[in-house]
Amino acid sequence: MDSRPVGFFDSGFGGASVLAKALSMLPNEDYIYFGDDANAPYGDKSDGDIARLTFAAMDALASFGVKAIVLACNTATATCVGDVRKHLSIPVVSVEPAIKPACGTPGSGKILMLGTAATTRLARYRALCARMPRPERIVSVACPGLVERIERGLIRPGDFDDLLDSYLSFLHGKQIDGIVLGCTHYVFIGEAISVYAKARFTGECRLFDGNAATVRQLGRVLEKNGLVNGAGRARVEYHTSGDRARLEPLFRSLIQSEDRAF
């Protein structure tokens, strides 16, 4: 049994969507979360800046004595996860867009992948798409400005229609069988995206995210390395480079953790 915490990192509070899943699926673990909100979003930054900020965050989390780290940021994963794993001596689990399950959706319509500009342009993501059956179904769309609006706490249906129109109007009326939420922030606005899509596209418009798969992989990694905490109740320690007074109540509400220790 290893009672050390698991570290979580995202460019903002989007990774809290993965942490919420971990609290449900791995409730005996303790967690330390760091959001680099002062530098969010990462999606419009250069590869070099993304890597520099990610490495700084990884070192900060490692200094807390975590036993593993979840890189809960699609943009950071696509940019530098391989180098991060070489840099650290503890296991690193990373998020991936749920392209594979989405591409398993039956039908002749398109699979829409919503992501940051950085994620959708990078070779790691393009290689992932190329490995899929019928990759021509995949339509990758960069969504500048979406993370910033989510970071302001706007998560209701209708809060994003203007932005979504600017990205997706060329697909209106088309058959969309699946929509991949390729940024952990976007999971928090899944309802808003679903309402928007079903009013403007044909097809099932089923939403996919990789959060549960990421947590399952975390569980496997902890088990394989003898790092499982077999008893106890999850504690969450929150850190941000941004305005903690504003962000912590929002973070707490997003992981539904009023009864958890901070």
Protein backbone atom coordinates (compact mmCIF):
# COMPACT_ATOMS: atom_id res chain seq x y z
CA MET A 1 0.00 0.00 0.00
CA ASP A 2 1.28 3.47 -0.91
CA SER A 3 -0.50 6.43 0.68
CA ARG A 4 1.32 9.12 -1.30
CA PRO A 5 -0.97 11.29 -3.45
CA VAL A 6 -1.44 11.21 -7.21
CA GLY A 7 -0.68 14.47 -9.01
CA PHE A 8 -2.99 15.98 -11.62
CA PHE A 9 -2.01 18.75 -14.01
CA ASP A 10 -3.85 20.84 -16.57
CA SER A 11 -3.35 24.26 -18.10
CA GLY A 12 -6.43 25.38 -16.15
CA PHE A 13 -9.29 23.62 -14.41
CA GLY A 14 -10.25 21.40 -17.35
CA GLY A 15 -8.35 18.51 -15.80
CA ALA A 16 -10.84 18.63 -12.94
CA SER A 17 -13.16 16.70 -15.26
CA VAL A 18 -10.65 13.82 -15.19
CA LEU A 19 -10.11 14.22 -11.45
CA ALA A 20 -13.87 13.99 -10.85
CA LYS A 21 -13.84 10.64 -12.65
CA ALA A 22 -10.86 9.51 -10.55
CA LEU A 23 -12.66 10.41 -7.33
CA SER A 24 -15.49 8.13 -8.42
CA MET A 25 -13.42 5.25 -9.80
CA LEU A 26 -10.40 5.36 -7.44
CA PRO A 27 -11.91 6.72 -4.21
CA ASN A 28 -9.15 5.50 -1.89
CA GLU A 29 -6.44 7.65 -3.46
CA ASP A 30 -5.39 11.14 -2.39
CA TYR A 31 -4.84 13.78 -5.06
CA ILE A 32 -2.90 17.00 -5.58
CA TYR A 33 -4.15 19.16 -8.45
CA PHE A 34 -2.23 21.98 -10.11
CA GLY A 35 -3.85 24.22 -12.69
CA ASP A 36 -1.68 26.70 -14.57
CA ASP A 37 -4.56 29.14 -14.89
CA ALA A 38 -2.26 32.17 -15.07
CA ASN A 39 -0.94 30.87 -18.40
CA ALA A 40 -4.14 29.33 -19.77
CA PRO A 41 -4.94 28.54 -22.48
CA TYR A 42 -2.03 26.50 -23.82
CA GLY A 43 -3.72 25.84 -27.15
CA ASP A 44 -2.61 29.10 -28.77
CA LYS A 45 1.01 28.89 -27.57
CA SER A 46 4.11 27.66 -29.40
CA ASP A 47 5.31 24.10 -28.88
CA GLY A 48 8.34 25.44 -27.02
CA ASP A 49 6.26 27.50 -24.60
CA ILE A 50 3.87 24.60 -23.98
CA ALA A 51 6.78 22.28 -23.18
CA ARG A 52 8.47 24.84 -20.91
CA LEU A 53 5.30 25.46 -18.91
CA THR A 54 4.48 21.76 -18.71
CA PHE A 55 7.93 20.80 -17.44
CA ALA A 56 7.76 23.51 -14.77
CA ALA A 57 4.39 22.18 -13.61
CA MET A 58 5.64 18.58 -13.59
CA ASP A 59 8.61 19.54 -11.44
CA ALA A 60 6.32 21.44 -9.06
CA LEU A 61 4.03 18.43 -8.66
CA ALA A 62 6.97 16.07 -8.21
CA SER A 63 8.25 18.30 -5.40
CA PHE A 64 5.06 17.52 -3.45
CA GLY A 65 6.09 13.86 -3.31
CA VAL A 66 3.42 12.47 -5.61
CA LYS A 67 3.70 8.82 -6.65
CA ALA A 68 2.36 9.31 -10.19
CA ILE A 69 1.14 12.17 -12.35
CA VAL A 70 -1.87 12.43 -14.63
CA LEU A 71 -1.16 14.82 -17.48
CA ALA A 72 -4.79 15.87 -17.82
CA CYS A 73 -4.20 18.32 -20.66
CA ASN A 74 -4.64 17.17 -24.26
CA THR A 75 -2.48 19.99 -25.58
CA ALA A 76 0.44 19.21 -23.26
CA THR A 77 0.09 15.50 -24.01
CA ALA A 78 0.21 16.05 -27.76
CA THR A 79 3.19 18.39 -27.42
CA CYS A 80 5.59 16.75 -25.00
CA VAL A 81 4.35 13.70 -23.07
CA GLY A 82 7.22 11.54 -24.33
CA ASP A 83 9.81 14.00 -23.07
CA VAL A 84 7.96 14.38 -19.76
CA ARG A 85 8.10 10.62 -19.20
CA LYS A 86 11.84 10.62 -19.86
CA HIS A 87 12.30 13.55 -17.47
CA LEU A 88 10.48 12.08 -14.47
CA SER A 89 11.23 8.96 -12.44
CA ILE A 90 7.56 8.36 -11.55
CA PRO A 91 4.79 7.05 -13.83
CA VAL A 92 3.00 9.57 -16.05
CA VAL A 93 -0.50 8.80 -17.38
CA SER A 94 -1.81 11.07 -20.12
CA VAL A 95 -5.16 11.85 -21.68
CA GLU A 96 -5.87 11.05 -25.32
CA PRO A 97 -8.81 12.18 -27.47
CA ALA A 98 -11.42 9.40 -27.62
CA ILE A 99 -10.99 9.03 -31.38
CA LYS A 100 -10.97 5.22 -31.37
CA PRO A 101 -14.35 4.64 -29.69
CA ALA A 102 -15.87 7.46 -31.73
CA CYS A 103 -14.67 5.90 -34.97
CA GLY A 104 -16.35 2.67 -33.92
CA THR A 105 -19.70 4.41 -34.18
CA PRO A 106 -21.77 2.84 -36.97
CA GLY A 107 -23.01 5.05 -39.75
CA SER A 108 -21.85 6.97 -42.76
CA GLY A 109 -21.62 10.38 -41.10
CA LYS A 110 -18.64 12.33 -39.92
CA ILE A 111 -16.80 12.14 -36.60
CA LEU A 112 -16.21 15.67 -35.34
CA MET A 113 -13.11 16.24 -33.17
CA LEU A 114 -13.11 19.49 -31.22
CA GLY A 115 -9.72 20.49 -29.84
CA THR A 116 -7.32 23.35 -29.30
CA ALA A 117 -5.32 24.74 -32.19
CA ALA A 118 -2.16 23.11 -30.82
CA THR A 119 -3.70 19.67 -30.38
CA THR A 120 -5.21 19.52 -33.85
CA ARG A 121 -2.02 20.63 -35.62
CA LEU A 122 0.45 18.31 -33.89
CA ALA A 123 1.96 15.15 -35.38
CA ARG A 124 0.96 12.95 -32.42
CA TYR A 125 -2.71 13.75 -32.99
CA ARG A 126 -2.51 13.37 -36.78
CA ALA A 127 -0.83 9.98 -36.35
CA LEU A 128 -3.61 8.89 -34.00
CA CYS A 129 -6.23 9.79 -36.60
CA ALA A 130 -4.30 8.03 -39.37
CA ARG A 131 -4.42 4.75 -37.42
CA MET A 132 -8.21 4.76 -37.28
CA PRO A 133 -10.46 2.81 -39.63
CA ARG A 134 -11.97 5.16 -42.21
CA PRO A 135 -9.93 8.19 -41.10
CA GLU A 136 -11.64 10.23 -43.80
CA ARG A 137 -14.67 10.38 -41.48
CA ILE A 138 -12.76 12.52 -38.98
CA VAL A 139 -13.21 16.29 -39.19
CA SER A 140 -10.80 18.08 -36.85
CA VAL A 141 -11.84 21.57 -35.76
CA ALA A 142 -9.75 23.96 -33.68
CA CYS A 143 -11.78 25.98 -31.18
CA PRO A 144 -9.91 29.18 -30.23
CA GLY A 145 -11.53 31.11 -27.41
CA LEU A 146 -13.54 28.21 -26.02
CA VAL A 147 -11.22 27.42 -23.10
CA GLU A 148 -11.07 31.08 -22.08
CA ARG A 149 -14.86 31.28 -21.87
CA ILE A 150 -15.06 28.06 -19.86
CA GLU A 151 -12.37 29.38 -17.51
CA ARG A 152 -14.71 32.30 -16.78
CA GLY A 153 -17.21 29.79 -15.41
CA LEU A 154 -19.65 29.83 -18.32
CA ILE A 155 -20.91 26.26 -18.81
CA ARG A 156 -24.63 26.54 -19.64
CA PRO A 157 -26.32 25.73 -22.97
CA GLY A 158 -26.40 28.87 -25.09
CA ASP A 159 -23.26 30.37 -23.56
CA PHE A 160 -21.19 29.17 -26.52
CA ASP A 161 -23.47 29.29 -29.56
CA ASP A 162 -21.66 32.25 -31.13
CA LEU A 163 -18.27 30.57 -30.84
CA LEU A 164 -19.58 27.19 -32.00
CA ASP A 165 -21.20 28.88 -35.01
CA SER A 166 -17.86 30.42 -35.94
CA TYR A 167 -16.18 27.00 -35.91
CA LEU A 168 -18.93 24.76 -37.23
CA SER A 169 -21.28 26.64 -39.54
CA PHE A 170 -19.73 24.87 -42.56
CA LEU A 171 -21.09 21.59 -41.17
CA HIS A 172 -24.65 22.71 -40.46
CA GLY A 173 -27.13 20.19 -41.84
CA LYS A 174 -24.49 17.47 -42.19
CA GLN A 175 -24.66 14.01 -40.61
CA ILE A 176 -22.48 13.89 -37.51
CA ASP A 177 -22.38 10.47 -35.86
CA GLY A 178 -19.95 11.31 -33.06
CA ILE A 179 -18.34 14.33 -31.41
CA VAL A 180 -15.01 13.91 -29.63
CA LEU A 181 -14.36 16.36 -26.81
CA GLY A 182 -10.63 16.69 -27.44
CA CYS A 183 -9.88 19.03 -24.53
CA THR A 184 -10.60 18.20 -20.90
CA HIS A 185 -12.22 21.63 -20.48
CA TYR A 186 -14.86 20.74 -23.05
CA VAL A 187 -16.27 17.92 -20.91
CA PHE A 188 -17.78 20.56 -18.64
CA ILE A 189 -19.81 21.95 -21.54
CA GLY A 190 -20.87 18.61 -22.97
CA GLU A 191 -24.54 19.46 -22.48
CA ALA A 192 -24.12 22.80 -24.25
CA ILE A 193 -22.33 21.14 -27.17
CA SER A 194 -24.96 18.38 -27.38
CA VAL A 195 -27.86 20.85 -27.42
CA TYR A 196 -26.11 22.91 -30.09
CA ALA A 197 -25.24 19.92 -32.26
CA LYS A 198 -28.64 18.25 -32.19
CA ALA A 199 -30.28 21.51 -33.29
CA ARG A 200 -27.95 21.96 -36.28
CA PHE A 201 -26.68 18.56 -37.45
CA THR A 202 -28.31 15.31 -38.44
CA GLY A 203 -27.04 12.01 -37.07
CA GLU A 204 -26.73 10.80 -33.49
CA CYS A 205 -24.16 13.44 -32.43
CA ARG A 206 -22.98 11.14 -29.63
CA LEU A 207 -20.37 12.70 -27.34
CA PHE A 208 -17.07 10.97 -26.52
CA ASP A 209 -14.36 11.88 -24.02
CA GLY A 210 -11.32 9.99 -22.78
CA ASN A 211 -11.66 10.61 -19.06
CA ALA A 212 -12.84 7.17 -17.91
CA ALA A 213 -10.21 5.46 -20.07
CA THR A 214 -7.52 7.69 -18.55
CA VAL A 215 -8.56 6.78 -15.01
CA ARG A 216 -8.71 3.08 -15.87
CA GLN A 217 -5.14 3.37 -17.16
CA LEU A 218 -4.13 5.18 -13.97
CA GLY A 219 -5.57 2.31 -11.93
CA ARG A 220 -3.62 -0.23 -13.99
CA VAL A 221 -0.38 1.74 -13.62
CA LEU A 222 -0.79 2.07 -9.85
CA GLU A 223 -1.52 -1.65 -9.54
CA LYS A 224 1.38 -2.69 -11.75
CA ASN A 225 3.86 -0.56 -9.80
CA GLY A 226 2.61 -1.46 -6.33
CA LEU A 227 1.38 2.09 -5.72
CA VAL A 228 -2.27 1.47 -4.81
CA ASN A 229 -3.62 3.04 -1.63
CA GLY A 230 -5.88 0.29 -0.36
CA ALA A 231 -7.74 2.23 2.32
CA GLY A 232 -8.87 5.72 3.18
CA ARG A 233 -11.06 8.40 1.68
CA ALA A 234 -9.91 10.71 -1.08
CA ARG A 235 -8.41 14.04 -0.09
CA VAL A 236 -7.88 16.72 -2.72
CA GLU A 237 -5.24 19.43 -2.39
CA TYR A 238 -5.70 22.28 -4.87
CA HIS A 239 -3.05 24.60 -6.29
CA THR A 240 -3.26 27.18 -9.06
CA SER A 241 -0.95 29.77 -10.59
CA GLY A 242 -4.02 31.98 -11.01
CA ASP A 243 -6.53 33.69 -8.72
CA ARG A 244 -7.18 31.04 -6.09
CA ALA A 245 -9.93 33.01 -4.35
CA ARG A 246 -11.95 33.05 -7.57
CA LEU A 247 -11.00 29.65 -8.95
CA GLU A 248 -11.13 27.32 -5.94
CA PRO A 249 -14.91 27.57 -5.38
CA LEU A 250 -15.45 26.87 -9.08
CA PHE A 251 -12.99 23.96 -9.00
CA ARG A 252 -14.69 22.56 -5.89
CA SER A 253 -18.12 22.74 -7.52
CA LEU A 254 -16.89 21.11 -10.72
CA ILE A 255 -15.56 18.05 -8.91
CA GLN A 256 -18.62 18.09 -6.62
CA SER A 257 -16.39 17.95 -3.59
CA GLU A 258 -18.04 20.03 -0.89
CA ASP A 259 -17.66 17.06 1.49
CA ARG A 260 -14.01 16.41 0.65
CA ALA A 261 -10.99 17.72 2.48
CA PHE A 262 -8.92 20.42 0.78
